[in-house]
Amino acid sequence: MAIRPAEQLIHKAAWLYYAHGLRQDEVASQLNISRASVAMYLRKARETGIVNISTSTQLFTDDVMARKVEDAFELDAVWIAPENAYLADPSTDIAVLAASVFLELVKKGDRIGVAWGRTVYTIADIMSFADLQDVTVVQLCGNLGAPYSYRPDQCTMEIARRLNAKGLNFYAPLVLSTEELAKSLRAEPVIREQLAGIADCDLALYSVGAVDADSHLVKCGALSPAEMEALRSQGAAGVIAGQIIDARGEVLDCSYN
């Protein structure tokens, strides 16, 4: 075997390792040199500028911010979707990240609660198919009469389809005309059983909706713009699964809830 110049070996080792993704022992075997030599050549490639390794400062910035949010709100884990200047709607990147994390969290035998909204449906729509065993997907809140693709029943069944899981819809309205009617409906055996099943969920998928005139609750007719404005004056800060929450994430004490 002809002896190659040392510089050529450095180039070749770096190319095989960084460009082709070979392990150091595979590079050593292909070049007929020792693994120790490969490690030395790779170090020289970095030191002489043959190989330049760069990192995304944005990724580190996002990671630091995620850790700060975890500490501030005492959360187990936070993921921040990196900013993408080429996307007009950042919710797409959020949905892609959420779908990936969600699939990592789901385990065999889990009972999953699913809320509703455009973001939740986008997560369902882009989620990879997975054949999970003994997983049940249940609807977290009542249904809507509005013809939107992101209705609670649609979100629930689409995620169940993606996971090859059992889907359970909640066939009751999200909002009723009187408190008495709501109490009577909750007392019905079928509804009572479904509500009890929601409490047994191992995992919940939901997004936090806005409390402005563009809110899903306004668009679907559950609240009028004036009613939503009044709730904001009472401290409404967001919507989770059809429930109005305050700035601390607590269910707002209001007649709607």
C-alpha atoms as a PDB file:
ATOM      1  CA  MET A   1       0.000   0.000   0.000  1.00  0.00           C
ATOM      2  CA  ALA A   2       1.415   3.375  -1.031  1.00  0.00           C
ATOM      3  CA  ILE A   3       2.079   5.733   1.832  1.00  0.00           C
ATOM      4  CA  ARG A   4      -0.216   8.769   1.630  1.00  0.00           C
ATOM      5  CA  PRO A   5       1.037  12.211   2.645  1.00  0.00           C
ATOM      6  CA  ALA A   6      -0.007  13.015   6.224  1.00  0.00           C
ATOM      7  CA  GLU A   7      -2.092  16.015   5.146  1.00  0.00           C
ATOM      8  CA  GLN A   8      -4.035  13.889   2.681  1.00  0.00           C
ATOM      9  CA  LEU A   9      -4.777  11.394   5.449  1.00  0.00           C
ATOM     10  CA  ILE A  10      -6.069  14.203   7.666  1.00  0.00           C
ATOM     11  CA  HIS A  11      -8.381  15.391   4.882  1.00  0.00           C
ATOM     12  CA  LYS A  12      -9.588  11.860   4.177  1.00  0.00           C
ATOM     13  CA  ALA A  13     -10.203  11.024   7.838  1.00  0.00           C
ATOM     14  CA  ALA A  14     -12.108  14.271   8.392  1.00  0.00           C
ATOM     15  CA  TRP A  15     -14.204  13.724   5.256  1.00  0.00           C
ATOM     16  CA  LEU A  16     -15.184  10.186   6.211  1.00  0.00           C
ATOM     17  CA  TYR A  17     -15.945  11.109   9.827  1.00  0.00           C
ATOM     18  CA  TYR A  18     -17.769  14.432   9.428  1.00  0.00           C
ATOM     19  CA  ALA A  19     -19.244  14.242   5.919  1.00  0.00           C
ATOM     20  CA  HIS A  20     -20.083  10.529   5.724  1.00  0.00           C
ATOM     21  CA  GLY A  21     -20.806   9.954   9.411  1.00  0.00           C
ATOM     22  CA  LEU A  22     -18.480   6.962   9.855  1.00  0.00           C
ATOM     23  CA  ARG A  23     -17.383   6.031  13.360  1.00  0.00           C
ATOM     24  CA  GLN A  24     -13.722   6.409  14.266  1.00  0.00           C
ATOM     25  CA  ASP A  25     -13.144   2.653  14.149  1.00  0.00           C
ATOM     26  CA  GLU A  26     -14.759   2.524  10.689  1.00  0.00           C
ATOM     27  CA  VAL A  27     -12.517   5.342   9.459  1.00  0.00           C
ATOM     28  CA  ALA A  28      -9.493   3.501  10.857  1.00  0.00           C
ATOM     29  CA  SER A  29     -10.481   0.303   9.062  1.00  0.00           C
ATOM     30  CA  GLN A  30     -11.070   2.044   5.734  1.00  0.00           C
ATOM     31  CA  LEU A  31      -7.771   3.948   5.839  1.00  0.00           C
ATOM     32  CA  ASN A  32      -5.840   1.011   7.328  1.00  0.00           C
ATOM     33  CA  ILE A  33      -4.607   3.044  10.272  1.00  0.00           C
ATOM     34  CA  SER A  34      -5.102   2.825  14.036  1.00  0.00           C
ATOM     35  CA  ARG A  35      -8.070   4.385  15.819  1.00  0.00           C
ATOM     36  CA  ALA A  36      -5.629   6.502  17.838  1.00  0.00           C
ATOM     37  CA  SER A  37      -4.302   7.918  14.564  1.00  0.00           C
ATOM     38  CA  VAL A  38      -7.834   8.770  13.460  1.00  0.00           C
ATOM     39  CA  ALA A  39      -8.452  10.667  16.707  1.00  0.00           C
ATOM     40  CA  MET A  40      -5.176  12.555  16.226  1.00  0.00           C
ATOM     41  CA  TYR A  41      -5.989  13.417  12.590  1.00  0.00           C
ATOM     42  CA  LEU A  42      -9.466  14.666  13.537  1.00  0.00           C
ATOM     43  CA  ARG A  43      -7.954  16.873  16.238  1.00  0.00           C
ATOM     44  CA  LYS A  44      -5.439  18.285  13.733  1.00  0.00           C
ATOM     45  CA  ALA A  45      -8.257  18.873  11.239  1.00  0.00           C
ATOM     46  CA  ARG A  46     -10.015  21.051  13.808  1.00  0.00           C
ATOM     47  CA  GLU A  47      -6.844  22.821  14.961  1.00  0.00           C
ATOM     48  CA  THR A  48      -5.679  23.705  11.433  1.00  0.00           C
ATOM     49  CA  GLY A  49      -9.074  24.882  10.236  1.00  0.00           C
ATOM     50  CA  ILE A  50      -9.687  22.019   7.809  1.00  0.00           C
ATOM     51  CA  VAL A  51     -12.856  21.395   9.802  1.00  0.00           C
ATOM     52  CA  ASN A  52     -14.851  24.245  11.325  1.00  0.00           C
ATOM     53  CA  ILE A  53     -17.500  23.271  13.875  1.00  0.00           C
ATOM     54  CA  SER A  54     -20.165  25.878  14.537  1.00  0.00           C
ATOM     55  CA  THR A  55     -23.134  25.862  16.867  1.00  0.00           C
ATOM     56  CA  SER A  56     -26.439  27.690  16.720  1.00  0.00           C
ATOM     57  CA  THR A  57     -26.469  30.385  19.387  1.00  0.00           C
ATOM     58  CA  GLN A  58     -30.256  30.551  18.959  1.00  0.00           C
ATOM     59  CA  LEU A  59     -30.590  26.946  20.137  1.00  0.00           C
ATOM     60  CA  PHE A  60     -28.569  27.689  23.269  1.00  0.00           C
ATOM     61  CA  THR A  61     -30.571  30.877  23.883  1.00  0.00           C
ATOM     62  CA  ASP A  62     -33.829  28.939  23.611  1.00  0.00           C
ATOM     63  CA  ASP A  63     -32.505  26.237  25.941  1.00  0.00           C
ATOM     64  CA  VAL A  64     -31.469  28.767  28.593  1.00  0.00           C
ATOM     65  CA  MET A  65     -34.873  30.434  28.343  1.00  0.00           C
ATOM     66  CA  ALA A  66     -36.611  27.046  28.672  1.00  0.00           C
ATOM     67  CA  ARG A  67     -34.684  26.296  31.876  1.00  0.00           C
ATOM     68  CA  LYS A  68     -35.621  29.711  33.301  1.00  0.00           C
ATOM     69  CA  VAL A  69     -39.305  29.089  32.573  1.00  0.00           C
ATOM     70  CA  GLU A  70     -39.051  25.666  34.243  1.00  0.00           C
ATOM     71  CA  ASP A  71     -37.606  27.247  37.372  1.00  0.00           C
ATOM     72  CA  ALA A  72     -40.031  30.179  37.456  1.00  0.00           C
ATOM     73  CA  PHE A  73     -43.162  28.045  37.156  1.00  0.00           C
ATOM     74  CA  GLU A  74     -41.824  24.849  38.771  1.00  0.00           C
ATOM     75  CA  LEU A  75     -42.365  22.791  35.611  1.00  0.00           C
ATOM     76  CA  ASP A  76     -40.750  19.438  34.855  1.00  0.00           C
ATOM     77  CA  ALA A  77     -39.821  20.310  31.271  1.00  0.00           C
ATOM     78  CA  VAL A  78     -40.243  23.159  28.795  1.00  0.00           C
ATOM     79  CA  TRP A  79     -39.533  23.162  25.064  1.00  0.00           C
ATOM     80  CA  ILE A  80     -39.283  26.374  23.047  1.00  0.00           C
ATOM     81  CA  ALA A  81     -39.836  26.259  19.292  1.00  0.00           C
ATOM     82  CA  PRO A  82     -36.917  28.009  17.542  1.00  0.00           C
ATOM     83  CA  GLU A  83     -37.758  31.166  15.644  1.00  0.00           C
ATOM     84  CA  ASN A  84     -38.130  30.652  11.892  1.00  0.00           C
ATOM     85  CA  ALA A  85     -37.918  33.864   9.882  1.00  0.00           C
ATOM     86  CA  TYR A  86     -39.261  32.106   6.788  1.00  0.00           C
ATOM     87  CA  LEU A  87     -42.611  31.186   8.333  1.00  0.00           C
ATOM     88  CA  ALA A  88     -45.396  33.760   8.486  1.00  0.00           C
ATOM     89  CA  ASP A  89     -47.243  31.687  11.091  1.00  0.00           C
ATOM     90  CA  PRO A  90     -45.008  30.505  13.980  1.00  0.00           C
ATOM     91  CA  SER A  91     -47.739  28.160  15.214  1.00  0.00           C
ATOM     92  CA  THR A  92     -46.637  25.668  12.542  1.00  0.00           C
ATOM     93  CA  ASP A  93     -43.208  25.253  14.166  1.00  0.00           C
ATOM     94  CA  ILE A  94     -44.871  25.024  17.571  1.00  0.00           C
ATOM     95  CA  ALA A  95     -47.149  22.248  16.318  1.00  0.00           C
ATOM     96  CA  VAL A  96     -44.246  20.312  14.765  1.00  0.00           C
ATOM     97  CA  LEU A  97     -42.290  20.452  18.039  1.00  0.00           C
ATOM     98  CA  ALA A  98     -45.366  19.632  20.141  1.00  0.00           C
ATOM     99  CA  ALA A  99     -46.256  16.616  17.985  1.00  0.00           C
ATOM    100  CA  SER A 100     -42.735  15.226  18.353  1.00  0.00           C
ATOM    101  CA  VAL A 101     -42.648  15.735  22.133  1.00  0.00           C
ATOM    102  CA  PHE A 102     -46.172  14.343  22.512  1.00  0.00           C
ATOM    103  CA  LEU A 103     -45.247  11.071  20.780  1.00  0.00           C
ATOM    104  CA  GLU A 104     -42.215  10.746  23.071  1.00  0.00           C
ATOM    105  CA  LEU A 105     -44.446  11.080  26.143  1.00  0.00           C
ATOM    106  CA  VAL A 106     -47.193   8.621  25.193  1.00  0.00           C
ATOM    107  CA  LYS A 107     -46.741   5.148  26.679  1.00  0.00           C
ATOM    108  CA  LYS A 108     -48.479   1.805  26.300  1.00  0.00           C
ATOM    109  CA  GLY A 109     -51.814   1.760  28.123  1.00  0.00           C
ATOM    110  CA  ASP A 110     -52.050   5.551  28.522  1.00  0.00           C
ATOM    111  CA  ARG A 111     -55.343   7.409  28.665  1.00  0.00           C
ATOM    112  CA  ILE A 112     -54.952  10.722  26.835  1.00  0.00           C
ATOM    113  CA  GLY A 113     -57.219  13.742  27.160  1.00  0.00           C
ATOM    114  CA  VAL A 114     -57.476  16.031  24.122  1.00  0.00           C
ATOM    115  CA  ALA A 115     -58.898  19.554  24.074  1.00  0.00           C
ATOM    116  CA  TRP A 116     -59.540  21.537  20.904  1.00  0.00           C
ATOM    117  CA  GLY A 117     -58.486  24.530  18.838  1.00  0.00           C
ATOM    118  CA  ARG A 118     -56.556  25.300  15.678  1.00  0.00           C
ATOM    119  CA  THR A 119     -53.163  24.528  17.257  1.00  0.00           C
ATOM    120  CA  VAL A 120     -54.332  21.189  18.684  1.00  0.00           C
ATOM    121  CA  TYR A 121     -55.781  20.165  15.329  1.00  0.00           C
ATOM    122  CA  THR A 122     -52.574  21.205  13.536  1.00  0.00           C
ATOM    123  CA  ILE A 123     -50.616  18.997  15.957  1.00  0.00           C
ATOM    124  CA  ALA A 124     -52.953  16.116  15.139  1.00  0.00           C
ATOM    125  CA  ASP A 125     -52.745  16.781  11.413  1.00  0.00           C
ATOM    126  CA  ILE A 126     -48.931  16.710  11.221  1.00  0.00           C
ATOM    127  CA  MET A 127     -48.378  13.979  13.819  1.00  0.00           C
ATOM    128  CA  SER A 128     -46.647  10.837  12.577  1.00  0.00           C
ATOM    129  CA  PHE A 129     -48.646   7.616  12.634  1.00  0.00           C
ATOM    130  CA  ALA A 130     -47.838   5.285  15.524  1.00  0.00           C
ATOM    131  CA  ASP A 131     -49.220   1.852  16.347  1.00  0.00           C
ATOM    132  CA  LEU A 132     -49.547   2.100  20.120  1.00  0.00           C
ATOM    133  CA  GLN A 133     -51.091  -0.611  22.264  1.00  0.00           C
ATOM    134  CA  ASP A 134     -54.013  -0.131  24.659  1.00  0.00           C
ATOM    135  CA  VAL A 135     -54.071   3.664  24.312  1.00  0.00           C
ATOM    136  CA  THR A 136     -57.362   5.535  24.736  1.00  0.00           C
ATOM    137  CA  VAL A 137     -57.961   9.112  23.578  1.00  0.00           C
ATOM    138  CA  VAL A 138     -60.807  10.973  25.286  1.00  0.00           C
ATOM    139  CA  GLN A 139     -62.396  14.327  24.571  1.00  0.00           C
ATOM    140  CA  LEU A 140     -61.749  16.809  27.386  1.00  0.00           C
ATOM    141  CA  CYS A 141     -64.610  19.229  26.824  1.00  0.00           C
ATOM    142  CA  GLY A 142     -68.082  19.477  25.343  1.00  0.00           C
ATOM    143  CA  ASN A 143     -68.757  19.906  21.664  1.00  0.00           C
ATOM    144  CA  LEU A 144     -69.554  22.840  19.411  1.00  0.00           C
ATOM    145  CA  GLY A 145     -72.210  23.381  16.819  1.00  0.00           C
ATOM    146  CA  ALA A 146     -69.823  25.381  14.637  1.00  0.00           C
ATOM    147  CA  PRO A 147     -68.549  23.634  11.466  1.00  0.00           C
ATOM    148  CA  TYR A 148     -64.831  23.927  12.220  1.00  0.00           C
ATOM    149  CA  SER A 149     -62.253  21.220  11.545  1.00  0.00           C
ATOM    150  CA  TYR A 150     -60.732  21.920  14.954  1.00  0.00           C
ATOM    151  CA  ARG A 151     -63.867  21.040  16.932  1.00  0.00           C
ATOM    152  CA  PRO A 152     -63.238  18.938  20.076  1.00  0.00           C
ATOM    153  CA  ASP A 153     -64.608  15.750  18.494  1.00  0.00           C
ATOM    154  CA  GLN A 154     -62.502  16.242  15.357  1.00  0.00           C
ATOM    155  CA  CYS A 155     -59.284  16.801  17.322  1.00  0.00           C
ATOM    156  CA  THR A 156     -59.920  13.762  19.515  1.00  0.00           C
ATOM    157  CA  MET A 157     -60.675  11.350  16.709  1.00  0.00           C
ATOM    158  CA  GLU A 158     -57.817  12.523  14.486  1.00  0.00           C
ATOM    159  CA  ILE A 159     -55.266  11.951  17.247  1.00  0.00           C
ATOM    160  CA  ALA A 160     -56.829   8.565  18.012  1.00  0.00           C
ATOM    161  CA  ARG A 161     -56.484   7.694  14.321  1.00  0.00           C
ATOM    162  CA  ARG A 162     -52.831   8.737  14.260  1.00  0.00           C
ATOM    163  CA  LEU A 163     -52.058   6.608  17.320  1.00  0.00           C
ATOM    164  CA  ASN A 164     -54.211   3.664  16.211  1.00  0.00           C
ATOM    165  CA  ALA A 165     -55.950   4.150  19.550  1.00  0.00           C
ATOM    166  CA  LYS A 166     -59.504   3.971  20.856  1.00  0.00           C
ATOM    167  CA  GLY A 167     -61.258   7.348  20.615  1.00  0.00           C
ATOM    168  CA  LEU A 168     -64.036   8.441  22.980  1.00  0.00           C
ATOM    169  CA  ASN A 169     -66.072  11.528  22.106  1.00  0.00           C
ATOM    170  CA  PHE A 170     -68.003  13.591  24.630  1.00  0.00           C
ATOM    171  CA  TYR A 171     -71.489  14.087  23.215  1.00  0.00           C
ATOM    172  CA  ALA A 172     -72.640  17.110  25.184  1.00  0.00           C
ATOM    173  CA  PRO A 173     -72.494  20.847  24.380  1.00  0.00           C
ATOM    174  CA  LEU A 174     -69.526  22.921  25.498  1.00  0.00           C
ATOM    175  CA  VAL A 175     -71.835  25.659  26.789  1.00  0.00           C
ATOM    176  CA  LEU A 176     -75.430  25.334  28.019  1.00  0.00           C
ATOM    177  CA  SER A 177     -78.058  28.050  28.406  1.00  0.00           C
ATOM    178  CA  THR A 178     -78.552  27.699  32.171  1.00  0.00           C
ATOM    179  CA  GLU A 179     -76.616  26.448  35.172  1.00  0.00           C
ATOM    180  CA  GLU A 180     -79.543  24.200  36.123  1.00  0.00           C
ATOM    181  CA  LEU A 181     -79.416  22.486  32.740  1.00  0.00           C
ATOM    182  CA  ALA A 182     -75.671  21.962  33.109  1.00  0.00           C
ATOM    183  CA  LYS A 183     -76.148  20.371  36.537  1.00  0.00           C
ATOM    184  CA  SER A 184     -78.895  18.096  35.235  1.00  0.00           C
ATOM    185  CA  LEU A 185     -76.762  16.983  32.309  1.00  0.00           C
ATOM    186  CA  ARG A 186     -73.776  16.241  34.565  1.00  0.00           C
ATOM    187  CA  ALA A 187     -76.064  14.039  36.660  1.00  0.00           C
ATOM    188  CA  GLU A 188     -76.941  11.834  33.682  1.00  0.00           C
ATOM    189  CA  PRO A 189     -75.197   8.431  34.107  1.00  0.00           C
ATOM    190  CA  VAL A 190     -73.530   8.477  30.680  1.00  0.00           C
ATOM    191  CA  ILE A 191     -72.194  12.019  31.098  1.00  0.00           C
ATOM    192  CA  ARG A 192     -71.164  11.374  34.711  1.00  0.00           C
ATOM    193  CA  GLU A 193     -69.186   8.321  33.614  1.00  0.00           C
ATOM    194  CA  GLN A 194     -67.453  10.263  30.844  1.00  0.00           C
ATOM    195  CA  LEU A 195     -66.509  13.077  33.214  1.00  0.00           C
ATOM    196  CA  ALA A 196     -65.088  10.538  35.660  1.00  0.00           C
ATOM    197  CA  GLY A 197     -63.024   9.041  32.834  1.00  0.00           C
ATOM    198  CA  ILE A 198     -61.488  12.437  32.108  1.00  0.00           C
ATOM    199  CA  ALA A 199     -60.149  12.579  35.667  1.00  0.00           C
ATOM    200  CA  ASP A 200     -58.241   9.330  35.020  1.00  0.00           C
ATOM    201  CA  CYS A 201     -56.181  10.710  32.117  1.00  0.00           C
ATOM    202  CA  ASP A 202     -52.415  10.154  32.248  1.00  0.00           C
ATOM    203  CA  LEU A 203     -51.675  12.876  29.713  1.00  0.00           C
ATOM    204  CA  ALA A 204     -53.519  15.940  28.411  1.00  0.00           C
ATOM    205  CA  LEU A 205     -52.997  17.771  25.126  1.00  0.00           C
ATOM    206  CA  TYR A 206     -54.299  21.323  24.955  1.00  0.00           C
ATOM    207  CA  SER A 207     -53.338  24.811  23.853  1.00  0.00           C
ATOM    208  CA  VAL A 208     -53.936  28.140  25.579  1.00  0.00           C
ATOM    209  CA  GLY A 209     -56.371  30.238  23.577  1.00  0.00           C
ATOM    210  CA  ALA A 210     -56.770  33.997  23.414  1.00  0.00           C
ATOM    211  CA  VAL A 211     -59.483  36.044  25.116  1.00  0.00           C
ATOM    212  CA  ASP A 212     -60.041  38.642  22.417  1.00  0.00           C
ATOM    213  CA  ALA A 213     -62.631  39.087  19.676  1.00  0.00           C
ATOM    214  CA  ASP A 214     -60.786  36.475  17.592  1.00  0.00           C
ATOM    215  CA  SER A 215     -61.102  33.808  20.317  1.00  0.00           C
ATOM    216  CA  HIS A 216     -62.496  30.404  19.354  1.00  0.00           C
ATOM    217  CA  LEU A 217     -65.154  30.852  22.040  1.00  0.00           C
ATOM    218  CA  VAL A 218     -66.382  33.973  20.255  1.00  0.00           C
ATOM    219  CA  LYS A 219     -66.119  32.484  16.770  1.00  0.00           C
ATOM    220  CA  CYS A 220     -68.124  29.397  17.703  1.00  0.00           C
ATOM    221  CA  GLY A 221     -70.836  31.465  19.388  1.00  0.00           C
ATOM    222  CA  ALA A 222     -70.205  30.348  22.968  1.00  0.00           C
ATOM    223  CA  LEU A 223     -69.556  33.977  23.951  1.00  0.00           C
ATOM    224  CA  SER A 224     -70.288  37.314  22.324  1.00  0.00           C
ATOM    225  CA  PRO A 225     -67.492  39.886  21.836  1.00  0.00           C
ATOM    226  CA  ALA A 226     -69.084  42.007  24.579  1.00  0.00           C
ATOM    227  CA  GLU A 227     -69.181  39.055  26.983  1.00  0.00           C
ATOM    228  CA  MET A 228     -65.529  38.269  26.271  1.00  0.00           C
ATOM    229  CA  GLU A 229     -64.616  41.912  26.868  1.00  0.00           C
ATOM    230  CA  ALA A 230     -66.431  41.787  30.215  1.00  0.00           C
ATOM    231  CA  LEU A 231     -64.507  38.633  31.175  1.00  0.00           C
ATOM    232  CA  ARG A 232     -61.217  40.338  30.348  1.00  0.00           C
ATOM    233  CA  SER A 233     -62.146  43.165  32.699  1.00  0.00           C
ATOM    234  CA  GLN A 234     -62.678  40.493  35.389  1.00  0.00           C
ATOM    235  CA  GLY A 235     -59.180  39.128  34.870  1.00  0.00           C
ATOM    236  CA  ALA A 236     -59.574  36.618  32.033  1.00  0.00           C
ATOM    237  CA  ALA A 237     -56.160  35.867  30.510  1.00  0.00           C
ATOM    238  CA  GLY A 238     -56.630  32.699  28.437  1.00  0.00           C
ATOM    239  CA  VAL A 239     -58.759  29.696  27.536  1.00  0.00           C
ATOM    240  CA  ILE A 240     -57.913  26.047  28.233  1.00  0.00           C
ATOM    241  CA  ALA A 241     -60.307  23.319  27.072  1.00  0.00           C
ATOM    242  CA  GLY A 242     -63.171  25.814  26.992  1.00  0.00           C
ATOM    243  CA  GLN A 243     -62.468  27.115  30.511  1.00  0.00           C
ATOM    244  CA  ILE A 244     -61.499  30.734  31.165  1.00  0.00           C
ATOM    245  CA  ILE A 245     -58.304  31.111  33.223  1.00  0.00           C
ATOM    246  CA  ASP A 246     -56.641  34.086  34.913  1.00  0.00           C
ATOM    247  CA  ALA A 247     -53.025  35.247  34.642  1.00  0.00           C
ATOM    248  CA  ARG A 248     -51.956  32.679  37.261  1.00  0.00           C
ATOM    249  CA  GLY A 249     -53.462  29.802  35.288  1.00  0.00           C
ATOM    250  CA  GLU A 250     -56.324  29.345  37.739  1.00  0.00           C
ATOM    251  CA  VAL A 251     -59.928  28.849  36.620  1.00  0.00           C
ATOM    252  CA  LEU A 252     -61.524  32.296  36.677  1.00  0.00           C
ATOM    253  CA  ASP A 253     -64.390  32.734  39.134  1.00  0.00           C
ATOM    254  CA  CYS A 254     -67.083  33.848  36.691  1.00  0.00           C
ATOM    255  CA  SER A 255     -70.580  32.850  35.604  1.00  0.00           C
ATOM    256  CA  TYR A 256     -69.302  31.399  32.312  1.00  0.00           C
ATOM    257  CA  ASN A 257     -67.116  28.787  34.039  1.00  0.00           C
END
